[in-house]
Amino acid sequence: MGYQVGLTEEAQADLGAVVRFLAEKSPEAAERIGHELLDTALALTWFPRRGSPVRWRLGMRKLTYRHYLIFYQVNEAAQWVEVVRIWDGRQNPASLRLP
């Protein structure tokens, strides 16, 4: 059995913002990318250590999908993965806030 994966409210808001932004130009692309980002995050159920460690944040890992970064933490004891942010890598990195 795999790990449970959950998205924080902030990660859900990030995903919503990505989809809304893309929908202005292409609703089809927005739906596709939104599903692909969510599928990538949920795949952590089977491979929770797949992402690389975030050097400047102990215990945080990140996955890259296209130009998006999925930041998450793994709780081994509880077999839980918490996705904390879904960040467009083209945004100003100084404005990224991680817990």
N, C-alpha and C. Protein backbone atom coordinates (compact mmCIF):
# COMPACT_ATOMS: atom_id res chain seq x y z
N MET A 1 0.83 -1.19 0.00
CA MET A 1 0.00 0.00 0.00
C MET A 1 0.87 1.24 0.00
N GLY A 2 0.45 2.26 -0.73
CA GLY A 2 1.23 3.47 -0.86
C GLY A 2 0.96 4.48 0.23
N TYR A 3 1.66 5.58 0.15
CA TYR A 3 1.48 6.70 1.06
C TYR A 3 0.19 7.43 0.71
N GLN A 4 -0.36 8.13 1.68
CA GLN A 4 -1.48 9.04 1.43
C GLN A 4 -0.89 10.38 1.00
N VAL A 5 -1.53 11.04 0.07
CA VAL A 5 -1.07 12.34 -0.41
C VAL A 5 -2.18 13.36 -0.20
N GLY A 6 -1.81 14.50 0.36
CA GLY A 6 -2.76 15.59 0.55
C GLY A 6 -2.16 16.91 0.12
N LEU A 7 -3.00 17.84 -0.27
CA LEU A 7 -2.57 19.18 -0.66
C LEU A 7 -3.04 20.17 0.40
N THR A 8 -2.15 21.04 0.82
CA THR A 8 -2.54 22.09 1.76
C THR A 8 -3.48 23.05 1.04
N GLU A 9 -4.13 23.90 1.81
CA GLU A 9 -5.00 24.91 1.22
C GLU A 9 -4.21 25.81 0.28
N GLU A 10 -2.97 26.12 0.66
CA GLU A 10 -2.14 26.99 -0.18
C GLU A 10 -1.80 26.30 -1.51
N ALA A 11 -1.50 25.00 -1.47
CA ALA A 11 -1.21 24.26 -2.70
C ALA A 11 -2.45 24.19 -3.59
N GLN A 12 -3.61 24.00 -2.97
CA GLN A 12 -4.86 23.98 -3.74
C GLN A 12 -5.11 25.34 -4.39
N ALA A 13 -4.83 26.41 -3.65
CA ALA A 13 -4.99 27.76 -4.20
C ALA A 13 -4.01 28.00 -5.34
N ASP A 14 -2.78 27.51 -5.17
CA ASP A 14 -1.78 27.63 -6.25
C ASP A 14 -2.27 26.94 -7.52
N LEU A 15 -2.76 25.71 -7.37
CA LEU A 15 -3.26 24.96 -8.51
C LEU A 15 -4.42 25.69 -9.17
N GLY A 16 -5.33 26.21 -8.38
CA GLY A 16 -6.45 26.98 -8.92
C GLY A 16 -5.99 28.21 -9.68
N ALA A 17 -4.98 28.89 -9.16
CA ALA A 17 -4.45 30.08 -9.82
C ALA A 17 -3.82 29.73 -11.17
N VAL A 18 -3.10 28.62 -11.21
CA VAL A 18 -2.50 28.17 -12.47
C VAL A 18 -3.59 27.91 -13.50
N VAL A 19 -4.61 27.17 -13.10
CA VAL A 19 -5.69 26.80 -14.02
C VAL A 19 -6.44 28.05 -14.49
N ARG A 20 -6.75 28.97 -13.59
CA ARG A 20 -7.45 30.20 -13.99
C ARG A 20 -6.63 31.02 -14.96
N PHE A 21 -5.33 31.13 -14.69
CA PHE A 21 -4.46 31.90 -15.57
C PHE A 21 -4.43 31.29 -16.97
N LEU A 22 -4.24 29.97 -17.04
CA LEU A 22 -4.18 29.30 -18.34
C LEU A 22 -5.52 29.33 -19.07
N ALA A 23 -6.62 29.29 -18.32
CA ALA A 23 -7.95 29.27 -18.93
C ALA A 23 -8.26 30.54 -19.69
N GLU A 24 -7.60 31.63 -19.35
CA GLU A 24 -7.81 32.89 -20.08
C GLU A 24 -7.41 32.75 -21.55
N LYS A 25 -6.44 31.91 -21.82
CA LYS A 25 -5.97 31.72 -23.20
C LYS A 25 -6.51 30.44 -23.81
N SER A 26 -6.61 29.37 -22.99
CA SER A 26 -7.06 28.09 -23.53
C SER A 26 -7.67 27.24 -22.42
N PRO A 27 -8.99 27.17 -22.35
CA PRO A 27 -9.62 26.33 -21.33
C PRO A 27 -9.21 24.86 -21.42
N GLU A 28 -8.99 24.37 -22.63
CA GLU A 28 -8.58 22.98 -22.80
C GLU A 28 -7.19 22.74 -22.21
N ALA A 29 -6.26 23.66 -22.49
CA ALA A 29 -4.90 23.53 -21.94
C ALA A 29 -4.93 23.66 -20.42
N ALA A 30 -5.76 24.57 -19.92
CA ALA A 30 -5.86 24.76 -18.48
C ALA A 30 -6.32 23.47 -17.80
N GLU A 31 -7.33 22.84 -18.36
CA GLU A 31 -7.84 21.60 -17.79
C GLU A 31 -6.79 20.49 -17.86
N ARG A 32 -6.12 20.38 -19.00
CA ARG A 32 -5.11 19.34 -19.17
C ARG A 32 -3.94 19.53 -18.20
N ILE A 33 -3.41 20.75 -18.14
CA ILE A 33 -2.25 21.01 -17.26
C ILE A 33 -2.66 20.86 -15.80
N GLY A 34 -3.85 21.32 -15.45
CA GLY A 34 -4.32 21.16 -14.08
C GLY A 34 -4.38 19.70 -13.68
N HIS A 35 -4.92 18.86 -14.56
CA HIS A 35 -4.98 17.42 -14.27
C HIS A 35 -3.58 16.81 -14.21
N GLU A 36 -2.71 17.23 -15.11
CA GLU A 36 -1.35 16.68 -15.13
C GLU A 36 -0.59 17.05 -13.86
N LEU A 37 -0.74 18.28 -13.40
CA LEU A 37 -0.08 18.68 -12.15
C LEU A 37 -0.63 17.88 -10.97
N LEU A 38 -1.93 17.73 -10.91
CA LEU A 38 -2.54 16.96 -9.83
C LEU A 38 -2.11 15.49 -9.90
N ASP A 39 -2.09 14.92 -11.08
CA ASP A 39 -1.65 13.53 -11.25
C ASP A 39 -0.20 13.35 -10.82
N THR A 40 0.64 14.33 -11.15
CA THR A 40 2.05 14.26 -10.76
C THR A 40 2.18 14.27 -9.24
N ALA A 41 1.42 15.13 -8.59
CA ALA A 41 1.45 15.20 -7.12
C ALA A 41 0.92 13.90 -6.52
N LEU A 42 -0.18 13.38 -7.04
CA LEU A 42 -0.77 12.17 -6.47
C LEU A 42 0.08 10.93 -6.72
N ALA A 43 0.94 10.96 -7.74
CA ALA A 43 1.83 9.83 -8.00
C ALA A 43 2.85 9.65 -6.88
N LEU A 44 2.98 10.64 -6.02
CA LEU A 44 3.89 10.52 -4.87
C LEU A 44 3.43 9.42 -3.92
N THR A 45 2.21 8.96 -4.06
CA THR A 45 1.73 7.86 -3.22
C THR A 45 2.63 6.64 -3.37
N TRP A 46 3.17 6.43 -4.55
CA TRP A 46 4.01 5.25 -4.79
C TRP A 46 5.50 5.57 -4.75
N PHE A 47 5.87 6.81 -5.02
CA PHE A 47 7.28 7.18 -5.05
C PHE A 47 7.49 8.49 -4.28
N PRO A 48 7.34 8.46 -2.95
CA PRO A 48 7.39 9.71 -2.19
C PRO A 48 8.77 10.38 -2.16
N ARG A 49 9.82 9.66 -2.43
CA ARG A 49 11.17 10.24 -2.42
C ARG A 49 11.67 10.56 -3.82
N ARG A 50 10.78 10.54 -4.77
CA ARG A 50 11.13 10.75 -6.17
C ARG A 50 11.70 12.15 -6.43
N GLY A 51 11.21 13.14 -5.74
CA GLY A 51 11.69 14.51 -5.94
C GLY A 51 13.04 14.74 -5.28
N SER A 52 13.64 15.84 -5.64
CA SER A 52 14.96 16.16 -5.07
C SER A 52 14.80 17.00 -3.80
N PRO A 53 15.76 16.88 -2.88
CA PRO A 53 15.69 17.69 -1.65
C PRO A 53 15.85 19.18 -1.98
N VAL A 54 15.20 20.01 -1.22
CA VAL A 54 15.36 21.46 -1.33
C VAL A 54 16.49 21.83 -0.40
N ARG A 55 17.58 22.28 -0.93
CA ARG A 55 18.80 22.52 -0.14
C ARG A 55 18.61 23.51 0.99
N TRP A 56 17.83 24.51 0.77
CA TRP A 56 17.67 25.58 1.75
C TRP A 56 16.49 25.36 2.70
N ARG A 57 15.83 24.19 2.61
CA ARG A 57 14.70 23.91 3.50
C ARG A 57 14.74 22.44 3.91
N LEU A 58 15.22 22.17 5.12
CA LEU A 58 15.36 20.82 5.63
C LEU A 58 14.02 20.08 5.62
N GLY A 59 14.00 18.87 5.09
CA GLY A 59 12.80 18.05 5.07
C GLY A 59 11.86 18.31 3.90
N MET A 60 12.17 19.31 3.10
CA MET A 60 11.32 19.66 1.96
C MET A 60 11.92 19.05 0.69
N ARG A 61 11.04 18.58 -0.18
CA ARG A 61 11.45 18.01 -1.47
C ARG A 61 10.68 18.74 -2.56
N LYS A 62 11.14 18.59 -3.81
CA LYS A 62 10.42 19.21 -4.92
C LYS A 62 10.47 18.32 -6.15
N LEU A 63 9.39 18.37 -6.87
CA LEU A 63 9.27 17.73 -8.18
C LEU A 63 9.15 18.83 -9.21
N THR A 64 9.64 18.58 -10.38
CA THR A 64 9.48 19.53 -11.47
C THR A 64 8.58 18.90 -12.52
N TYR A 65 7.59 19.67 -12.95
CA TYR A 65 6.74 19.25 -14.05
C TYR A 65 6.62 20.45 -14.98
N ARG A 66 7.17 20.30 -16.18
CA ARG A 66 7.30 21.41 -17.12
C ARG A 66 8.05 22.52 -16.41
N HIS A 67 7.46 23.71 -16.26
CA HIS A 67 8.14 24.78 -15.53
C HIS A 67 7.48 25.03 -14.18
N TYR A 68 6.77 24.03 -13.67
CA TYR A 68 6.13 24.11 -12.36
C TYR A 68 6.91 23.30 -11.35
N LEU A 69 6.93 23.79 -10.12
CA LEU A 69 7.62 23.10 -9.04
C LEU A 69 6.57 22.68 -8.01
N ILE A 70 6.61 21.42 -7.63
CA ILE A 70 5.69 20.88 -6.62
C ILE A 70 6.52 20.63 -5.37
N PHE A 71 6.30 21.44 -4.35
CA PHE A 71 7.04 21.33 -3.10
C PHE A 71 6.23 20.47 -2.13
N TYR A 72 6.92 19.56 -1.45
CA TYR A 72 6.21 18.65 -0.54
C TYR A 72 7.11 18.15 0.57
N GLN A 73 6.47 17.59 1.61
CA GLN A 73 7.16 16.99 2.75
C GLN A 73 6.65 15.57 2.92
N VAL A 74 7.54 14.69 3.38
CA VAL A 74 7.19 13.28 3.59
C VAL A 74 7.27 12.98 5.08
N ASN A 75 6.21 12.38 5.60
CA ASN A 75 6.20 11.89 6.97
C ASN A 75 6.25 10.36 6.88
N GLU A 76 7.44 9.81 7.09
CA GLU A 76 7.64 8.36 6.94
C GLU A 76 6.80 7.56 7.93
N ALA A 77 6.76 8.01 9.18
CA ALA A 77 6.07 7.26 10.22
C ALA A 77 4.57 7.13 9.92
N ALA A 78 3.99 8.20 9.41
CA ALA A 78 2.56 8.20 9.11
C ALA A 78 2.26 7.79 7.67
N GLN A 79 3.32 7.59 6.88
CA GLN A 79 3.19 7.31 5.45
C GLN A 79 2.29 8.35 4.79
N TRP A 80 2.66 9.61 4.98
CA TRP A 80 1.88 10.75 4.52
C TRP A 80 2.78 11.69 3.73
N VAL A 81 2.29 12.15 2.60
CA VAL A 81 2.97 13.17 1.79
C VAL A 81 2.07 14.40 1.77
N GLU A 82 2.64 15.54 2.14
CA GLU A 82 1.89 16.79 2.14
C GLU A 82 2.47 17.73 1.08
N VAL A 83 1.68 18.01 0.07
CA VAL A 83 2.08 18.97 -0.97
C VAL A 83 1.77 20.35 -0.42
N VAL A 84 2.81 21.19 -0.32
CA VAL A 84 2.63 22.49 0.33
C VAL A 84 2.53 23.65 -0.66
N ARG A 85 3.12 23.52 -1.83
CA ARG A 85 3.03 24.58 -2.85
C ARG A 85 3.13 23.96 -4.23
N ILE A 86 2.46 24.59 -5.18
CA ILE A 86 2.63 24.29 -6.61
C ILE A 86 2.98 25.63 -7.24
N TRP A 87 4.22 25.77 -7.62
CA TRP A 87 4.80 27.07 -7.96
C TRP A 87 5.21 27.12 -9.42
N ASP A 88 4.82 28.18 -10.09
CA ASP A 88 5.27 28.41 -11.46
C ASP A 88 6.70 28.94 -11.38
N GLY A 89 7.63 28.16 -11.90
CA GLY A 89 9.04 28.50 -11.81
C GLY A 89 9.42 29.78 -12.54
N ARG A 90 8.51 30.33 -13.34
CA ARG A 90 8.78 31.58 -14.05
C ARG A 90 8.49 32.79 -13.17
N GLN A 91 7.88 32.56 -12.01
CA GLN A 91 7.59 33.67 -11.09
C GLN A 91 8.86 34.07 -10.34
N ASN A 92 8.80 35.22 -9.72
CA ASN A 92 9.92 35.73 -8.94
C ASN A 92 10.19 34.78 -7.76
N PRO A 93 11.35 34.13 -7.71
CA PRO A 93 11.63 33.20 -6.62
C PRO A 93 11.66 33.84 -5.25
N ALA A 94 11.91 35.13 -5.18
CA ALA A 94 11.96 35.81 -3.89
C ALA A 94 10.57 35.87 -3.25
N SER A 95 9.52 35.71 -4.03
CA SER A 95 8.17 35.79 -3.46
C SER A 95 7.64 34.43 -3.01
N LEU A 96 8.40 33.36 -3.22
CA LEU A 96 7.99 32.02 -2.79
C LEU A 96 8.13 31.90 -1.27
N ARG A 97 7.06 31.49 -0.63
CA ARG A 97 7.07 31.28 0.83
C ARG A 97 6.73 29.82 1.10
N LEU A 98 7.62 29.13 1.78
CA LEU A 98 7.39 27.75 2.17
C LEU A 98 7.22 27.68 3.68
N PRO A 99 6.43 26.72 4.15
CA PRO A 99 6.25 26.59 5.61
C PRO A 99 7.53 26.13 6.30
